Protein backbone atom coordinates (compact mmCIF):
# COMPACT_ATOMS: atom_id res chain seq x y z
CA MET A 1 92.74 86.29 140.01
CA THR A 2 93.88 82.19 141.33
CA GLU A 3 98.01 81.09 142.63
CA ARG A 4 98.25 79.43 138.83
CA ASP A 5 97.81 83.13 137.63
CA TRP A 6 101.34 84.81 135.81
CA GLU A 7 99.89 88.50 137.25
CA THR A 8 102.87 89.87 136.43
CA ASP A 9 102.54 89.07 132.83
CA PHE A 10 99.57 91.29 132.91
CA ASP A 11 100.86 94.69 131.96
CA GLY A 12 101.32 93.88 128.27
CA VAL A 13 99.38 93.56 126.16
CA HIS A 14 99.40 90.26 125.62
CA GLY A 15 99.77 89.34 129.48
CA TYR A 16 95.73 89.00 129.25
CA TYR A 17 94.80 85.34 128.17
CA LEU A 18 93.21 82.18 129.33
CA ASN A 19 95.99 79.37 128.35
CA ARG A 20 95.50 76.51 129.67
CA CYS A 21 98.34 73.93 131.58
CA GLY A 22 100.80 72.37 129.98
CA LYS A 23 101.50 69.53 133.07
CA CYS A 24 98.41 70.22 134.64
CA GLU A 25 95.86 71.25 132.26
CA LEU A 26 94.68 73.25 134.55
CA LEU A 27 93.35 77.33 132.80
CA PHE A 28 95.41 80.14 133.95
CA HIS A 29 96.24 83.48 133.07
CA GLY A 30 99.16 85.16 131.79
CA HIS A 31 101.00 85.40 129.22
CA LYS A 32 99.93 84.33 125.48
CA HIS A 33 102.83 81.92 124.66
CA ARG A 34 103.17 80.81 128.41
CA MET A 35 103.14 76.76 128.36
CA LEU A 36 102.99 76.13 132.23
CA CYS A 37 100.91 78.00 135.05
CA ARG A 38 102.82 79.37 137.84
CA VAL A 39 101.99 76.20 140.29
CA CYS A 40 104.07 74.90 137.65
CA SER A 41 106.57 75.92 136.72
CA PRO A 42 109.96 76.23 138.74
CA GLU A 43 109.77 79.03 139.59
CA GLY A 44 106.37 78.72 141.32
CA GLN A 45 108.20 75.34 142.49
CA MET A 46 110.46 77.17 144.06
CA GLU A 47 108.71 79.86 145.86
CA ARG A 48 106.34 77.37 147.35
CA MET A 49 109.45 75.77 148.60
CA VAL A 50 110.97 79.38 150.24
CA ALA A 51 108.43 81.46 151.61
CA PRO A 52 107.84 78.23 154.29
CA VAL A 53 111.86 79.25 155.34
CA ARG A 54 111.37 83.08 154.76
CA ASP A 55 108.09 83.29 157.12
CA ALA A 56 109.83 81.78 159.57
CA LEU A 57 112.39 83.75 160.22
CA ASP A 58 110.57 86.77 159.87
CA PRO A 59 110.93 89.16 162.29
CA VAL A 60 106.83 90.31 161.84
CA LYS A 61 105.45 87.08 161.18
CA ARG A 62 106.89 85.55 164.53
CA ASN A 63 105.85 88.31 166.51
CA ILE A 64 108.90 88.76 167.85
CA ASP A 65 109.74 92.25 169.93
CA LEU A 66 113.04 93.41 168.90
CA GLY A 67 112.43 96.84 171.06
CA GLU A 68 112.83 99.02 168.38
CA ASP A 69 109.96 101.68 168.52
CA GLN A 70 106.83 102.66 165.72
C-alpha cells in the first residue's frame, strides 16, 4: 500500500482496482471510477497542508506534560 492508494475504497466490491492517475500518471489502488490518486486529489492536497499544523498542536507528538496521571 502506498500514499497514493485510497484505503477507504478497499471495503467495497469495486474498491481494489489498479488505476492510473489522470494528473501524475502513476498507478494507485482504489475504486474503479477514481480518476486521481490520493496525492493528486484535492482531499490529499488539503491533508498534506493541514497535517504539519495538526501535528504541531498535538501535545502527545510535542511531548508536553499536561500533568495528567495515566
